[in-house]
PDB file of N, CA and C in Angstrom:
ATOM      1  N   UNK A   1       0.892  -1.309   0.173  1.00  0.00           N
ATOM      2  CA  UNK A   1      -0.181   0.210   0.310  1.00  0.00           C
ATOM      3  C   UNK A   1       0.951   1.336  -0.165  1.00  0.00           C
ATOM      4  N   UNK A   2       0.108   2.575  -0.491  1.00  0.00           N
ATOM      5  CA  UNK A   2       1.169   3.870  -0.546  1.00  0.00           C
ATOM      6  C   UNK A   2       0.415   4.571  -0.306  1.00  0.00           C
ATOM      7  N   UNK A   3       1.274   5.671   0.080  1.00  0.00           N
ATOM      8  CA  UNK A   3       0.135   7.018   0.389  1.00  0.00           C
ATOM      9  C   UNK A   3       0.164   8.047  -1.025  1.00  0.00           C
ATOM     10  N   UNK A   4      -1.124   8.486  -1.276  1.00  0.00           N
ATOM     11  CA  UNK A   4      -1.604   9.868  -1.900  1.00  0.00           C
ATOM     12  C   UNK A   4      -1.710  10.769  -1.485  1.00  0.00           C
ATOM     13  N   UNK A   5      -1.148  12.290  -1.769  1.00  0.00           N
ATOM     14  CA  UNK A   5      -1.574  13.446  -1.509  1.00  0.00           C
ATOM     15  C   UNK A   5      -2.423  13.883  -2.861  1.00  0.00           C
ATOM     16  N   UNK A   6      -3.506  14.379  -2.227  1.00  0.00           N
ATOM     17  CA  UNK A   6      -4.293  15.173  -2.972  1.00  0.00           C
ATOM     18  C   UNK A   6      -3.650  16.437  -3.049  1.00  0.00           C
ATOM     19  N   UNK A   7      -3.427  17.292  -3.644  1.00  0.00           N
ATOM     20  CA  UNK A   7      -3.356  18.900  -3.891  1.00  0.00           C
ATOM     21  C   UNK A   7      -3.976  19.829  -4.591  1.00  0.00           C
ATOM     22  N   UNK A   8      -3.837  21.288  -3.106  1.00  0.00           N
ATOM     23  CA  UNK A   8      -5.442  22.096  -4.181  1.00  0.00           C
ATOM     24  C   UNK A   8      -4.888  22.731  -5.004  1.00  0.00           C
ATOM     25  N   UNK A   9      -5.700  23.471  -6.434  1.00  0.00           N
ATOM     26  CA  UNK A   9      -5.257  23.482  -7.842  1.00  0.00           C
ATOM     27  C   UNK A   9      -4.800  24.951  -7.345  1.00  0.00           C
ATOM     28  N   UNK A  10      -5.599  25.725  -6.745  1.00  0.00           N
ATOM     29  CA  UNK A  10      -5.985  27.301  -6.890  1.00  0.00           C
ATOM     30  C   UNK A  10      -5.407  27.682  -4.704  1.00  0.00           C
ATOM     31  N   UNK A  11      -5.634  28.565  -4.637  1.00  0.00           N
ATOM     32  CA  UNK A  11      -5.286  29.803  -3.206  1.00  0.00           C
ATOM     33  C   UNK A  11      -7.121  29.359  -3.294  1.00  0.00           C
ATOM     34  N   UNK A  12      -7.076  29.635  -1.595  1.00  0.00           N
ATOM     35  CA  UNK A  12      -8.641  29.627  -1.058  1.00  0.00           C
ATOM     36  C   UNK A  12      -8.775  29.387   0.045  1.00  0.00           C
ATOM     37  N   UNK A  13      -9.775  29.169   1.040  1.00  0.00           N
ATOM     38  CA  UNK A  13     -10.864  28.642   2.068  1.00  0.00           C
ATOM     39  C   UNK A  13     -11.224  27.297   1.510  1.00  0.00           C
ATOM     40  N   UNK A  14     -10.549  26.124   2.142  1.00  0.00           N
ATOM     41  CA  UNK A  14     -11.066  24.857   2.126  1.00  0.00           C
ATOM     42  C   UNK A  14     -12.215  24.516   2.719  1.00  0.00           C
ATOM     43  N   UNK A  15     -13.605  23.729   2.238  1.00  0.00           N
ATOM     44  CA  UNK A  15     -14.353  23.243   2.473  1.00  0.00           C
ATOM     45  C   UNK A  15     -14.686  21.830   2.730  1.00  0.00           C
ATOM     46  N   UNK A  16     -15.429  21.805   3.474  1.00  0.00           N
ATOM     47  CA  UNK A  16     -15.123  19.834   3.962  1.00  0.00           C
ATOM     48  C   UNK A  16     -16.969  19.652   3.060  1.00  0.00           C
ATOM     49  N   UNK A  17     -17.442  20.622   3.217  1.00  0.00           N
ATOM     50  CA  UNK A  17     -19.417  20.120   2.818  1.00  0.00           C
ATOM     51  C   UNK A  17     -19.737  21.353   1.914  1.00  0.00           C
ATOM     52  N   UNK A  18     -20.892  20.573   0.942  1.00  0.00           N
ATOM     53  CA  UNK A  18     -21.264  21.944   0.122  1.00  0.00           C
ATOM     54  C   UNK A  18     -21.793  23.233   0.553  1.00  0.00           C
ATOM     55  N   UNK A  19     -22.230  22.669   2.191  1.00  0.00           N
ATOM     56  CA  UNK A  19     -22.914  24.258   2.347  1.00  0.00           C
ATOM     57  C   UNK A  19     -22.870  23.756   3.758  1.00  0.00           C
ATOM     58  N   UNK A  20     -22.861  24.972   4.539  1.00  0.00           N
ATOM     59  CA  UNK A  20     -22.766  24.776   6.102  1.00  0.00           C
ATOM     60  C   UNK A  20     -24.105  24.188   6.587  1.00  0.00           C
ATOM     61  N   UNK A  21     -24.271  23.245   7.655  1.00  0.00           N
ATOM     62  CA  UNK A  21     -25.308  22.519   7.624  1.00  0.00           C
ATOM     63  C   UNK A  21     -25.312  21.330   7.422  1.00  0.00           C
ATOM     64  N   UNK A  22     -25.073  20.821   6.247  1.00  0.00           N
ATOM     65  CA  UNK A  22     -24.932  19.559   5.128  1.00  0.00           C
ATOM     66  C   UNK A  22     -23.640  18.741   5.265  1.00  0.00           C
ATOM     67  N   UNK A  23     -23.956  17.601   5.173  1.00  0.00           N
ATOM     68  CA  UNK A  23     -23.186  16.580   5.773  1.00  0.00           C
ATOM     69  C   UNK A  23     -21.776  16.958   4.922  1.00  0.00           C
ATOM     70  N   UNK A  24     -20.623  16.699   5.579  1.00  0.00           N
ATOM     71  CA  UNK A  24     -18.995  16.526   4.654  1.00  0.00           C
ATOM     72  C   UNK A  24     -19.299  15.628   3.141  1.00  0.00           C
ATOM     73  N   UNK A  25     -18.166  15.885   2.034  1.00  0.00           N
ATOM     74  CA  UNK A  25     -18.755  15.090   1.319  1.00  0.00           C
ATOM     75  C   UNK A  25     -17.884  13.896   1.472  1.00  0.00           C
ATOM     76  N   UNK A  26     -17.097  13.295   1.936  1.00  0.00           N
ATOM     77  CA  UNK A  26     -16.341  12.099   2.218  1.00  0.00           C
ATOM     78  C   UNK A  26     -15.684  12.140   4.178  1.00  0.00           C
ATOM     79  N   UNK A  27     -16.122  11.016   4.194  1.00  0.00           N
ATOM     80  CA  UNK A  27     -15.289  10.890   5.672  1.00  0.00           C
ATOM     81  C   UNK A  27     -13.750  10.462   5.845  1.00  0.00           C
ATOM     82  N   UNK A  28     -13.398  10.430   7.006  1.00  0.00           N
ATOM     83  CA  UNK A  28     -12.179   9.826   7.355  1.00  0.00           C
ATOM     84  C   UNK A  28     -12.148   8.288   6.954  1.00  0.00           C
ATOM     85  N   UNK A  29     -11.456   7.262   6.723  1.00  0.00           N
ATOM     86  CA  UNK A  29     -11.628   6.592   6.789  1.00  0.00           C
ATOM     87  C   UNK A  29     -12.473   5.563   6.173  1.00  0.00           C
ATOM     88  N   UNK A  30     -13.458   6.920   5.087  1.00  0.00           N
ATOM     89  CA  UNK A  30     -14.084   6.365   3.935  1.00  0.00           C
ATOM     90  C   UNK A  30     -13.043   5.168   2.902  1.00  0.00           C
ATOM     91  N   UNK A  31     -14.176   4.699   1.578  1.00  0.00           N
ATOM     92  CA  UNK A  31     -13.275   4.137   0.642  1.00  0.00           C
ATOM     93  C   UNK A  31     -14.090   5.769  -0.482  1.00  0.00           C
ATOM     94  N   UNK A  32     -12.823   5.798  -1.282  1.00  0.00           N
ATOM     95  CA  UNK A  32     -13.181   7.335  -2.308  1.00  0.00           C
ATOM     96  C   UNK A  32     -12.565   6.282  -3.543  1.00  0.00           C
ATOM     97  N   UNK A  33     -13.139   6.911  -4.564  1.00  0.00           N
ATOM     98  CA  UNK A  33     -13.478   6.736  -6.385  1.00  0.00           C
ATOM     99  C   UNK A  33     -12.444   7.758  -6.893  1.00  0.00           C
ATOM    100  N   UNK A  34     -11.514   7.447  -7.341  1.00  0.00           N
ATOM    101  CA  UNK A  34     -11.065   8.517  -8.322  1.00  0.00           C
ATOM    102  C   UNK A  34     -11.823   8.974  -9.077  1.00  0.00           C
ATOM    103  N   UNK A  35     -11.704  10.810  -9.145  1.00  0.00           N
ATOM    104  CA  UNK A  35     -12.918  11.568 -10.005  1.00  0.00           C
ATOM    105  C   UNK A  35     -14.075  12.107  -8.462  1.00  0.00           C
ATOM    106  N   UNK A  36     -13.989  11.280  -7.410  1.00  0.00           N
ATOM    107  CA  UNK A  36     -14.644  11.626  -6.152  1.00  0.00           C
ATOM    108  C   UNK A  36     -14.628  13.445  -5.353  1.00  0.00           C
ATOM    109  N   UNK A  37     -15.787  13.956  -5.204  1.00  0.00           N
ATOM    110  CA  UNK A  37     -14.919  15.066  -4.873  1.00  0.00           C
ATOM    111  C   UNK A  37     -15.435  15.042  -2.995  1.00  0.00           C
ATOM    112  N   UNK A  38     -14.313  15.125  -2.815  1.00  0.00           N
ATOM    113  CA  UNK A  38     -14.142  15.687  -1.281  1.00  0.00           C
ATOM    114  C   UNK A  38     -13.718  16.720  -0.478  1.00  0.00           C
ATOM    115  N   UNK A  39     -13.960  17.829  -1.421  1.00  0.00           N
ATOM    116  CA  UNK A  39     -14.213  19.462  -0.765  1.00  0.00           C
ATOM    117  C   UNK A  39     -14.204  20.428  -1.915  1.00  0.00           C
ATOM    118  N   UNK A  40     -14.028  21.802  -1.252  1.00  0.00           N
ATOM    119  CA  UNK A  40     -14.404  23.064  -2.104  1.00  0.00           C
ATOM    120  C   UNK A  40     -13.291  23.483  -1.831  1.00  0.00           C
ATOM    121  N   UNK A  41     -12.684  24.317  -3.062  1.00  0.00           N
ATOM    122  CA  UNK A  41     -12.037  25.397  -2.847  1.00  0.00           C
ATOM    123  C   UNK A  41     -12.776  26.923  -2.895  1.00  0.00           C
ATOM    124  N   UNK A  42     -13.134  27.826  -2.078  1.00  0.00           N
ATOM    125  CA  UNK A  42     -13.596  28.989  -2.451  1.00  0.00           C
ATOM    126  C   UNK A  42     -12.280  30.260  -2.388  1.00  0.00           C
ATOM    127  N   UNK A  43     -12.264  30.759  -3.674  1.00  0.00           N
ATOM    128  CA  UNK A  43     -11.862  32.170  -3.543  1.00  0.00           C
ATOM    129  C   UNK A  43     -13.116  33.257  -4.399  1.00  0.00           C
ATOM    130  N   UNK A  44     -13.159  34.502  -3.852  1.00  0.00           N
ATOM    131  CA  UNK A  44     -13.411  35.436  -4.082  1.00  0.00           C
ATOM    132  C   UNK A  44     -15.223  35.235  -4.778  1.00  0.00           C
ATOM    133  N   UNK A  45     -15.590  33.992  -3.824  1.00  0.00           N
ATOM    134  CA  UNK A  45     -17.083  33.501  -3.927  1.00  0.00           C
ATOM    135  C   UNK A  45     -17.099  32.675  -5.411  1.00  0.00           C
ATOM    136  N   UNK A  46     -15.986  32.125  -5.694  1.00  0.00           N
ATOM    137  CA  UNK A  46     -16.168  31.061  -6.628  1.00  0.00           C
ATOM    138  C   UNK A  46     -15.479  29.801  -6.333  1.00  0.00           C
ATOM    139  N   UNK A  47     -16.600  28.556  -6.041  1.00  0.00           N
ATOM    140  CA  UNK A  47     -16.082  27.459  -5.499  1.00  0.00           C
ATOM    141  C   UNK A  47     -15.312  26.484  -6.412  1.00  0.00           C
ATOM    142  N   UNK A  48     -14.981  25.604  -6.608  1.00  0.00           N
ATOM    143  CA  UNK A  48     -13.953  25.241  -7.383  1.00  0.00           C
ATOM    144  C   UNK A  48     -14.037  23.220  -6.843  1.00  0.00           C
ATOM    145  N   UNK A  49     -14.629  22.770  -7.110  1.00  0.00           N
ATOM    146  CA  UNK A  49     -14.297  21.301  -6.379  1.00  0.00           C
ATOM    147  C   UNK A  49     -12.432  20.136  -6.652  1.00  0.00           C
ATOM    148  N   UNK A  50     -12.321  20.479  -5.237  1.00  0.00           N
ATOM    149  CA  UNK A  50     -11.369  19.207  -5.220  1.00  0.00           C
ATOM    150  C   UNK A  50     -11.869  17.938  -5.331  1.00  0.00           C
ATOM    151  N   UNK A  51     -11.071  16.974  -5.906  1.00  0.00           N
ATOM    152  CA  UNK A  51     -11.465  15.323  -6.396  1.00  0.00           C
ATOM    153  C   UNK A  51      -9.849  14.706  -5.773  1.00  0.00           C
ATOM    154  N   UNK A  52     -10.531  13.902  -5.459  1.00  0.00           N
ATOM    155  CA  UNK A  52      -9.663  12.507  -5.762  1.00  0.00           C
ATOM    156  C   UNK A  52      -9.326  12.063  -7.073  1.00  0.00           C
ATOM    157  N   UNK A  53      -8.007  11.744  -7.141  1.00  0.00           N
ATOM    158  CA  UNK A  53      -7.604  11.119  -7.941  1.00  0.00           C
ATOM    159  C   UNK A  53      -6.916   9.922  -8.638  1.00  0.00           C
ATOM    160  N   UNK A  54      -7.055   9.592  -7.075  1.00  0.00           N
ATOM    161  CA  UNK A  54      -6.976   7.909  -7.290  1.00  0.00           C
ATOM    162  C   UNK A  54      -8.158   7.476  -6.419  1.00  0.00           C
ATOM    163  N   UNK A  55      -8.347   5.935  -6.572  1.00  0.00           N
ATOM    164  CA  UNK A  55      -8.918   4.826  -5.526  1.00  0.00           C
ATOM    165  C   UNK A  55      -8.496   4.654  -4.624  1.00  0.00           C
ATOM    166  N   UNK A  56      -8.985   4.960  -2.879  1.00  0.00           N
ATOM    167  CA  UNK A  56      -8.438   3.776  -2.237  1.00  0.00           C
ATOM    168  C   UNK A  56      -9.084   4.131  -1.076  1.00  0.00           C
ATOM    169  N   UNK A  57      -8.766   4.638   0.130  1.00  0.00           N
ATOM    170  CA  UNK A  57      -9.231   4.713   1.583  1.00  0.00           C
ATOM    171  C   UNK A  57      -8.551   6.508   1.975  1.00  0.00           C
ATOM    172  N   UNK A  58      -9.320   7.228   2.117  1.00  0.00           N
ATOM    173  CA  UNK A  58      -9.285   8.434   2.884  1.00  0.00           C
ATOM    174  C   UNK A  58      -8.275   8.597   4.345  1.00  0.00           C
ATOM    175  N   UNK A  59      -7.332   8.581   4.442  1.00  0.00           N
ATOM    176  CA  UNK A  59      -6.741   8.507   5.664  1.00  0.00           C
ATOM    177  C   UNK A  59      -6.956   9.725   6.492  1.00  0.00           C
ATOM    178  N   UNK A  60      -6.638  10.617   5.795  1.00  0.00           N
ATOM    179  CA  UNK A  60      -6.399  12.247   6.755  1.00  0.00           C
ATOM    180  C   UNK A  60      -6.955  13.370   5.990  1.00  0.00           C
ATOM    181  N   UNK A  61      -6.817  14.047   6.357  1.00  0.00           N
ATOM    182  CA  UNK A  61      -7.342  15.530   5.779  1.00  0.00           C
ATOM    183  C   UNK A  61      -5.934  16.827   6.116  1.00  0.00           C
ATOM    184  N   UNK A  62      -5.478  17.237   5.617  1.00  0.00           N
ATOM    185  CA  UNK A  62      -4.160  17.816   5.853  1.00  0.00           C
ATOM    186  C   UNK A  62      -4.369  19.287   5.758  1.00  0.00           C
ATOM    187  N   UNK A  63      -5.452  20.040   5.841  1.00  0.00           N
ATOM    188  CA  UNK A  63      -5.817  20.995   6.191  1.00  0.00           C
ATOM    189  C   UNK A  63      -7.244  21.233   7.227  1.00  0.00           C
ATOM    190  N   UNK A  64      -7.354  21.986   7.778  1.00  0.00           N
ATOM    191  CA  UNK A  64      -8.741  21.781   8.749  1.00  0.00           C
ATOM    192  C   UNK A  64      -9.860  22.750   7.794  1.00  0.00           C
ATOM    193  N   UNK A  65     -11.145  21.960   8.114  1.00  0.00           N
ATOM    194  CA  UNK A  65     -11.916  22.660   7.226  1.00  0.00           C
ATOM    195  C   UNK A  65     -12.265  24.316   7.706  1.00  0.00           C
ATOM    196  N   UNK A  66     -12.117  25.298   6.754  1.00  0.00           N
ATOM    197  CA  UNK A  66     -12.505  25.927   6.719  1.00  0.00           C
ATOM    198  C   UNK A  66     -10.910  26.795   6.544  1.00  0.00           C
ATOM    199  N   UNK A  67      -9.826  26.240   6.774  1.00  0.00           N
ATOM    200  CA  UNK A  67      -8.057  26.208   6.532  1.00  0.00           C
ATOM    201  C   UNK A  67      -8.022  27.372   5.050  1.00  0.00           C
ATOM    202  N   UNK A  68      -7.162  27.945   5.356  1.00  0.00           N
ATOM    203  CA  UNK A  68      -6.365  28.495   4.311  1.00  0.00           C
ATOM    204  C   UNK A  68      -5.431  27.588   3.009  1.00  0.00           C
ATOM    205  N   UNK A  69      -5.781  28.259   1.997  1.00  0.00           N
ATOM    206  CA  UNK A  69      -4.799  26.693   1.127  1.00  0.00           C
ATOM    207  C   UNK A  69      -4.457  27.479  -0.145  1.00  0.00           C
ATOM    208  N   UNK A  70      -2.833  27.318  -0.106  1.00  0.00           N
ATOM    209  CA  UNK A  70      -2.286  28.152  -0.992  1.00  0.00           C
ATOM    210  C   UNK A  70      -2.275  26.763  -2.168  1.00  0.00           C
ATOM    211  N   UNK A  71      -2.392  27.723  -4.434  1.00  0.00           N
ATOM    212  CA  UNK A  71      -1.923  26.240  -4.582  1.00  0.00           C
ATOM    213  C   UNK A  71      -0.552  25.625  -4.944  1.00  0.00           C
ATOM    214  N   UNK A  72      -1.045  24.218  -4.855  1.00  0.00           N
ATOM    215  CA  UNK A  72       0.034  22.977  -4.379  1.00  0.00           C
ATOM    216  C   UNK A  72       0.145  22.462  -2.749  1.00  0.00           C
ATOM    217  N   UNK A  73      -0.941  22.918  -1.791  1.00  0.00           N
ATOM    218  CA  UNK A  73      -0.956  22.597  -0.518  1.00  0.00           C
ATOM    219  C   UNK A  73      -1.543  20.978  -0.692  1.00  0.00           C
ATOM    220  N   UNK A  74      -0.985  20.101   0.088  1.00  0.00           N
ATOM    221  CA  UNK A  74      -1.609  19.101  -0.226  1.00  0.00           C
ATOM    222  C   UNK A  74      -3.150  19.121   0.793  1.00  0.00           C
ATOM    223  N   UNK A  75      -4.038  18.742  -0.048  1.00  0.00           N
ATOM    224  CA  UNK A  75      -5.698  19.219   1.147  1.00  0.00           C
ATOM    225  C   UNK A  75      -5.677  17.638   2.186  1.00  0.00           C
ATOM    226  N   UNK A  76      -5.442  15.920   0.793  1.00  0.00           N
ATOM    227  CA  UNK A  76      -6.139  15.011   2.099  1.00  0.00           C
ATOM    228  C   UNK A  76      -5.148  13.900   1.870  1.00  0.00           C
ATOM    229  N   UNK A  77      -4.909  13.178   2.458  1.00  0.00           N
ATOM    230  CA  UNK A  77      -3.759  11.971   1.887  1.00  0.00           C
ATOM    231  C   UNK A  77      -4.737  10.711   1.954  1.00  0.00           C
ATOM    232  N   UNK A  78      -5.310  10.019   0.778  1.00  0.00           N
ATOM    233  CA  UNK A  78      -5.681   8.755   0.095  1.00  0.00           C
ATOM    234  C   UNK A  78      -4.390   7.860   0.153  1.00  0.00           C
ATOM    235  N   UNK A  79      -4.872   5.968   1.183  1.00  0.00           N
ATOM    236  CA  UNK A  79      -3.818   5.225   0.838  1.00  0.00           C
ATOM    237  C   UNK A  79      -4.678   4.004  -0.155  1.00  0.00           C
ATOM    238  N   UNK A  80      -3.913   3.938  -1.158  1.00  0.00           N
ATOM    239  CA  UNK A  80      -3.826   3.019  -1.887  1.00  0.00           C
ATOM    240  C   UNK A  80      -3.323   1.777  -2.017  1.00  0.00           C
ATOM    241  N   UNK A  81      -4.181   0.675  -2.832  1.00  0.00           N
ATOM    242  CA  UNK A  81      -3.578  -0.539  -2.605  1.00  0.00           C
ATOM    243  C   UNK A  81      -2.118  -0.919  -3.744  1.00  0.00           C
TER     244      UNK A  81
END
């Protein structure tokens, strides 16, 4: 097994759910598919999806919900087979 880092393509604020009070896109420990949305980055009121680029188990987020991101910052770790 190996670890894969999902990185942010944009600067902005990271959100784990689609809107306040709604469930997170994915929970730590859940299986994810390549292309599955795991969060959003918001910059100047525009939202962009962050997607898993590999299949595996999301083992951790490396940025807090509502945390600031720069381009290339790690967002999550996915364990692949």
